[in-house]
Amino acid sequence: MIRFRFGLTPLAEVRPWGRRERPVLHWFGLTDGWYAIDLGEHELLRYSERTVRRLRGDGGGPAHPYADYYVVRLWEDLLALLPAALEPVPEDLADFVACDSSDWCWEDTPEADSAAQWHGDRSLYTGYLRIAPDIRCWRTVAGEHDAMDDVMNVSWAHPSDPEGEIEFAGPATGRVTVPTSAFVAAVTELDRALLEAMERRIGELEAAGPPPGVELDLEQLRREHRDRAGWLERARRYAYATDWAAVRTGAAALLRSPGEDCG
């Protein structure tokens, strides 16, 4: 099972962007909220109880235990990931796609660059979080007719916080497989739910107007909303094309053992 869950900050509590003398709101900023990923028995992007207590103790901490940011970032980065994640990974590259890049034997060649880019394109960007977990997604297809052999691999690794303040709940590392159809359905549901929530939010603002003293272009807000409604379909139509010869050559070089010459 996989599900992308979120909640939006109440509209009256959303903080405008910009300088104090000229606060502004826009589509991105209006998605302020929290989100998490339900993955099998795990909750990714959920903070530990100790971290939640510390955040609440600082005053103004979240009332929930999840990553606290603009929900649109999760949505945008999943759509950016989707074309690469849906490309089936050949069996001979299974070890490479699943490995940790910190162990690579780096070298400066076009093939190594191609392999590193191919590997990185299957990572969900989380770099805006203070202690960013490494979440990766890649597809493997073992058979032609059995849907159970067509799966999405989702792995995660939580780095340690040098200051010891931020930690996530659950295992530090892990990997779960879900049917590819379930992964696509979860992304589709996130898209539907976020767009519907934003439709309601925009409707409220169109009816009541922006908060006093806050700059908000309602016509642009509505145009952007209509445009974003087509982003998922564009992501699903995008054909991710791999130069397999370059990736295989680069992967073989990057995976050389530490005792070998790294060039």
Protein backbone atom coordinates (compact mmCIF):
# COMPACT_ATOMS: atom_id res chain seq x y z
CA MET A 1 0.00 0.00 0.00
CA ILE A 2 1.18 3.50 -0.78
CA ARG A 3 -0.54 6.81 -0.18
CA PHE A 4 0.53 10.44 -0.21
CA ARG A 5 -1.29 12.26 2.59
CA PHE A 6 -1.43 15.99 3.23
CA GLY A 7 -3.31 18.74 5.00
CA LEU A 8 -3.42 22.44 4.18
CA THR A 9 -2.91 25.14 6.78
CA PRO A 10 -6.22 26.96 7.46
CA LEU A 11 -6.50 29.85 5.02
CA ALA A 12 -6.58 32.49 7.75
CA GLU A 13 -3.26 31.17 9.09
CA VAL A 14 -1.32 31.09 5.80
CA ARG A 15 1.56 33.55 5.97
CA PRO A 16 2.04 35.82 2.96
CA TRP A 17 5.39 36.00 1.21
CA GLY A 18 7.46 39.11 0.56
CA ARG A 19 8.49 42.08 2.65
CA ARG A 20 6.33 43.31 5.50
CA GLU A 21 5.42 46.46 3.57
CA ARG A 22 4.32 44.43 0.54
CA PRO A 23 3.03 40.95 1.50
CA VAL A 24 1.86 38.73 -1.37
CA LEU A 25 0.06 35.43 -1.84
CA HIS A 26 0.14 33.05 -4.81
CA TRP A 27 -0.73 29.46 -5.73
CA PHE A 28 2.50 28.01 -4.37
CA GLY A 29 2.28 29.83 -1.04
CA LEU A 30 -1.37 28.92 -0.59
CA THR A 31 -0.41 25.21 -0.42
CA ASP A 32 1.28 25.70 2.96
CA GLY A 33 0.66 22.59 5.04
CA TRP A 34 2.04 19.18 5.94
CA TYR A 35 2.44 15.83 4.20
CA ALA A 36 3.58 12.25 4.68
CA ILE A 37 3.94 9.04 2.68
CA ASP A 38 2.20 5.88 3.88
CA LEU A 39 4.33 3.00 2.59
CA GLY A 40 3.39 -0.47 3.73
CA GLU A 41 3.66 -0.42 7.52
CA HIS A 42 5.77 2.74 7.52
CA GLU A 43 5.11 6.47 7.56
CA LEU A 44 7.80 8.36 5.71
CA LEU A 45 8.34 12.04 6.54
CA ARG A 46 7.00 11.53 10.07
CA TYR A 47 9.16 13.01 12.82
CA SER A 48 10.00 11.08 15.98
CA GLU A 49 8.12 11.86 19.17
CA ARG A 50 11.26 13.42 20.64
CA THR A 51 11.59 15.78 17.67
CA VAL A 52 7.91 16.70 17.81
CA ARG A 53 8.18 17.52 21.52
CA ARG A 54 11.20 19.71 20.86
CA LEU A 55 9.50 21.55 18.00
CA ARG A 56 6.41 22.17 20.10
CA GLY A 57 8.56 23.21 23.03
CA ASP A 58 10.16 25.92 20.92
CA GLY A 59 6.75 27.57 20.64
CA GLY A 60 4.69 27.72 17.49
CA GLY A 61 5.60 24.16 16.57
CA PRO A 62 3.32 22.06 14.37
CA ALA A 63 0.24 20.35 15.78
CA HIS A 64 1.10 17.28 13.68
CA PRO A 65 4.22 15.07 13.49
CA TYR A 66 4.84 15.36 9.73
CA ALA A 67 7.05 17.33 7.35
CA ASP A 68 5.82 20.90 7.41
CA TYR A 69 6.18 22.68 4.08
CA TYR A 70 4.31 23.69 0.92
CA VAL A 71 2.40 20.63 -0.31
CA VAL A 72 2.97 21.71 -3.89
CA ARG A 73 6.64 20.76 -3.52
CA LEU A 74 5.77 17.09 -2.92
CA TRP A 75 3.33 17.24 -5.86
CA GLU A 76 5.75 18.96 -8.25
CA ASP A 77 8.66 16.70 -7.36
CA LEU A 78 6.60 13.52 -7.73
CA LEU A 79 5.49 14.64 -11.19
CA ALA A 80 9.11 15.43 -12.09
CA LEU A 81 10.14 11.97 -10.86
CA LEU A 82 7.32 10.05 -12.54
CA PRO A 83 8.66 9.63 -16.12
CA ALA A 84 11.99 8.22 -14.93
CA ALA A 85 10.41 6.13 -12.17
CA LEU A 86 8.05 4.48 -14.66
CA GLU A 87 10.86 3.40 -17.00
CA PRO A 88 11.53 -0.30 -16.29
CA VAL A 89 15.06 -0.97 -15.05
CA PRO A 90 16.86 -3.86 -16.81
CA GLU A 91 17.97 -6.71 -14.59
CA ASP A 92 21.67 -6.04 -15.20
CA LEU A 93 21.28 -2.53 -13.72
CA ALA A 94 19.28 -3.62 -10.66
CA ASP A 95 22.27 -3.43 -8.31
CA PHE A 96 23.33 -0.04 -9.64
CA VAL A 97 19.91 1.61 -9.36
CA ALA A 98 19.52 0.36 -5.78
CA CYS A 99 22.99 1.35 -4.56
CA ASP A 100 24.11 4.33 -2.49
CA SER A 101 26.03 6.84 -4.59
CA SER A 102 28.34 7.63 -1.66
CA ASP A 103 30.18 4.36 -2.38
CA TRP A 104 30.85 5.09 -6.05
CA CYS A 105 34.30 5.30 -7.58
CA TRP A 106 33.82 8.71 -9.19
CA GLU A 107 35.41 9.63 -12.50
CA ASP A 108 34.90 12.44 -14.99
CA THR A 109 33.60 10.83 -18.18
CA PRO A 110 30.42 11.40 -20.21
CA GLU A 111 29.35 7.82 -19.50
CA ALA A 112 29.78 8.21 -15.74
CA ASP A 113 27.84 11.47 -15.90
CA SER A 114 25.04 9.72 -17.83
CA ALA A 115 24.88 6.90 -15.29
CA ALA A 116 24.89 9.29 -12.34
CA GLN A 117 22.12 11.39 -13.92
CA TRP A 118 20.07 8.27 -14.67
CA HIS A 119 20.47 7.12 -11.05
CA GLY A 120 19.62 10.57 -9.68
CA ASP A 121 16.50 10.94 -11.80
CA ARG A 122 14.89 8.24 -9.65
CA SER A 123 15.29 10.28 -6.45
CA LEU A 124 12.44 12.29 -4.95
CA TYR A 125 13.83 15.74 -4.19
CA THR A 126 13.56 16.65 -0.49
CA GLY A 127 16.47 19.07 -0.19
CA TYR A 128 14.26 21.88 1.13
CA LEU A 129 13.79 19.97 4.41
CA ARG A 130 16.29 20.65 7.18
CA ILE A 131 17.48 17.03 7.41
CA ALA A 132 16.46 15.68 4.02
CA PRO A 133 15.72 11.96 3.72
CA ASP A 134 16.84 10.15 0.57
CA ILE A 135 13.74 8.65 -1.06
CA ARG A 136 14.17 6.77 -4.33
CA CYS A 137 11.70 5.07 -6.70
CA TRP A 138 12.38 2.69 -9.59
CA ARG A 139 10.36 0.15 -11.53
CA THR A 140 11.21 -3.49 -12.19
CA VAL A 141 9.26 -5.79 -14.48
CA ALA A 142 9.99 -9.50 -14.14
CA GLY A 143 7.25 -10.88 -16.38
CA GLU A 144 5.13 -9.84 -19.32
CA HIS A 145 1.68 -10.90 -18.15
CA ASP A 146 1.57 -11.01 -14.35
CA ALA A 147 0.89 -7.58 -12.85
CA MET A 148 2.43 -8.75 -9.56
CA ASP A 149 5.81 -8.87 -11.33
CA ASP A 150 5.52 -5.18 -12.31
CA VAL A 151 6.49 -3.32 -9.16
CA MET A 152 7.75 0.04 -7.96
CA ASN A 153 10.64 -0.16 -5.52
CA VAL A 154 10.62 2.64 -2.94
CA SER A 155 13.66 2.97 -0.71
CA TRP A 156 14.53 5.51 1.96
CA ALA A 157 17.46 6.52 4.12
CA HIS A 158 17.35 9.04 6.96
CA PRO A 159 20.63 10.89 7.50
CA SER A 160 21.62 11.69 11.05
CA ASP A 161 21.39 15.27 12.25
CA PRO A 162 24.84 16.46 13.43
CA GLU A 163 23.07 18.67 15.98
CA GLY A 164 20.87 15.82 17.17
CA GLU A 165 17.65 17.83 16.89
CA ILE A 166 15.82 16.38 13.89
CA GLU A 167 15.09 12.68 13.55
CA PHE A 168 12.40 10.74 11.75
CA ALA A 169 10.25 7.96 13.14
CA GLY A 170 10.66 4.40 11.95
CA PRO A 171 13.67 2.55 10.54
CA ALA A 172 16.61 4.63 9.37
CA THR A 173 16.69 2.76 6.08
CA GLY A 174 14.30 0.50 4.24
CA ARG A 175 12.83 -0.62 0.97
CA VAL A 176 9.28 -1.59 0.07
CA THR A 177 7.80 -2.76 -3.21
CA VAL A 178 4.29 -1.92 -4.34
CA PRO A 179 2.51 -2.69 -7.62
CA THR A 180 3.35 -0.06 -10.21
CA SER A 181 -0.38 0.45 -10.75
CA ALA A 182 -0.76 1.29 -7.04
CA PHE A 183 2.07 3.83 -7.21
CA VAL A 184 0.51 5.56 -10.22
CA ALA A 185 -2.90 5.49 -8.53
CA ALA A 186 -1.41 7.12 -5.40
CA VAL A 187 0.18 9.92 -7.44
CA THR A 188 -3.10 10.38 -9.31
CA GLU A 189 -5.02 10.59 -6.03
CA LEU A 190 -2.61 13.18 -4.64
CA ASP A 191 -3.08 15.23 -7.81
CA ARG A 192 -6.86 15.00 -7.56
CA ALA A 193 -6.98 15.79 -3.85
CA LEU A 194 -4.60 18.75 -3.99
CA LEU A 195 -6.30 20.32 -7.01
CA GLU A 196 -9.72 19.91 -5.39
CA ALA A 197 -8.47 21.45 -2.13
CA MET A 198 -6.96 24.35 -4.03
CA GLU A 199 -10.15 24.80 -6.06
CA ARG A 200 -12.06 25.27 -2.82
CA ARG A 201 -9.38 27.62 -1.48
CA ILE A 202 -9.40 29.74 -4.64
CA GLY A 203 -13.19 29.85 -4.57
CA GLU A 204 -13.10 31.22 -1.02
CA LEU A 205 -10.66 33.92 -2.04
CA GLU A 206 -12.65 34.85 -5.12
CA ALA A 207 -15.77 35.21 -2.98
CA ALA A 208 -14.21 37.12 -0.09
CA GLY A 209 -11.22 38.78 -1.71
CA PRO A 210 -7.61 38.63 -0.47
CA PRO A 211 -6.76 39.33 3.17
CA PRO A 212 -6.53 43.05 3.97
CA GLY A 213 -3.25 44.54 2.85
CA VAL A 214 -2.13 41.39 1.00
CA GLU A 215 -1.41 41.49 -2.73
CA LEU A 216 -3.08 38.65 -4.64
CA ASP A 217 -3.82 38.49 -8.37
CA LEU A 218 -6.99 36.40 -8.45
CA GLU A 219 -7.08 36.16 -12.24
CA GLN A 220 -3.50 34.86 -12.34
CA LEU A 221 -4.31 32.49 -9.49
CA ARG A 222 -7.16 31.00 -11.50
CA ARG A 223 -5.03 30.77 -14.69
CA GLU A 224 -2.25 29.00 -12.84
CA HIS A 225 -4.73 26.59 -11.30
CA ARG A 226 -6.09 25.66 -14.73
CA ASP A 227 -2.56 25.14 -16.03
CA ARG A 228 -1.51 22.95 -13.12
CA ALA A 229 -4.56 20.75 -13.69
CA GLY A 230 -2.77 19.42 -16.79
CA TRP A 231 0.64 18.74 -15.24
CA LEU A 232 -0.01 15.10 -14.32
CA GLU A 233 -1.14 14.20 -17.83
CA ARG A 234 1.92 15.91 -19.31
CA ALA A 235 4.18 13.97 -16.92
CA ARG A 236 2.54 10.68 -17.88
CA ARG A 237 2.93 11.42 -21.58
CA TYR A 238 6.60 12.34 -21.27
CA ALA A 239 8.81 9.58 -22.67
CA TYR A 240 11.98 9.16 -20.59
CA ALA A 241 14.66 8.03 -23.06
CA THR A 242 17.82 6.30 -21.80
CA ASP A 243 21.11 5.79 -23.63
CA TRP A 244 21.51 2.29 -22.25
CA ALA A 245 25.03 1.77 -23.61
CA ALA A 246 26.28 4.94 -21.88
CA VAL A 247 24.51 4.12 -18.61
CA ARG A 248 25.87 0.58 -18.53
CA THR A 249 29.41 1.74 -19.24
CA GLY A 250 29.19 4.52 -16.65
CA ALA A 251 27.59 2.25 -14.05
CA ALA A 252 30.36 -0.32 -14.43
CA ALA A 253 32.97 2.40 -13.86
CA LEU A 254 31.19 3.94 -10.87
CA LEU A 255 30.73 0.56 -9.18
CA ARG A 256 34.38 -0.44 -9.30
CA SER A 257 35.71 -1.63 -5.97
CA PRO A 258 37.71 0.87 -3.85
CA GLY A 259 40.90 -1.06 -4.50
CA GLU A 260 40.69 -0.51 -8.23
CA ASP A 261 42.09 2.50 -10.04
CA CYS A 262 39.40 5.20 -10.22
CA GLY A 263 41.08 6.90 -13.15
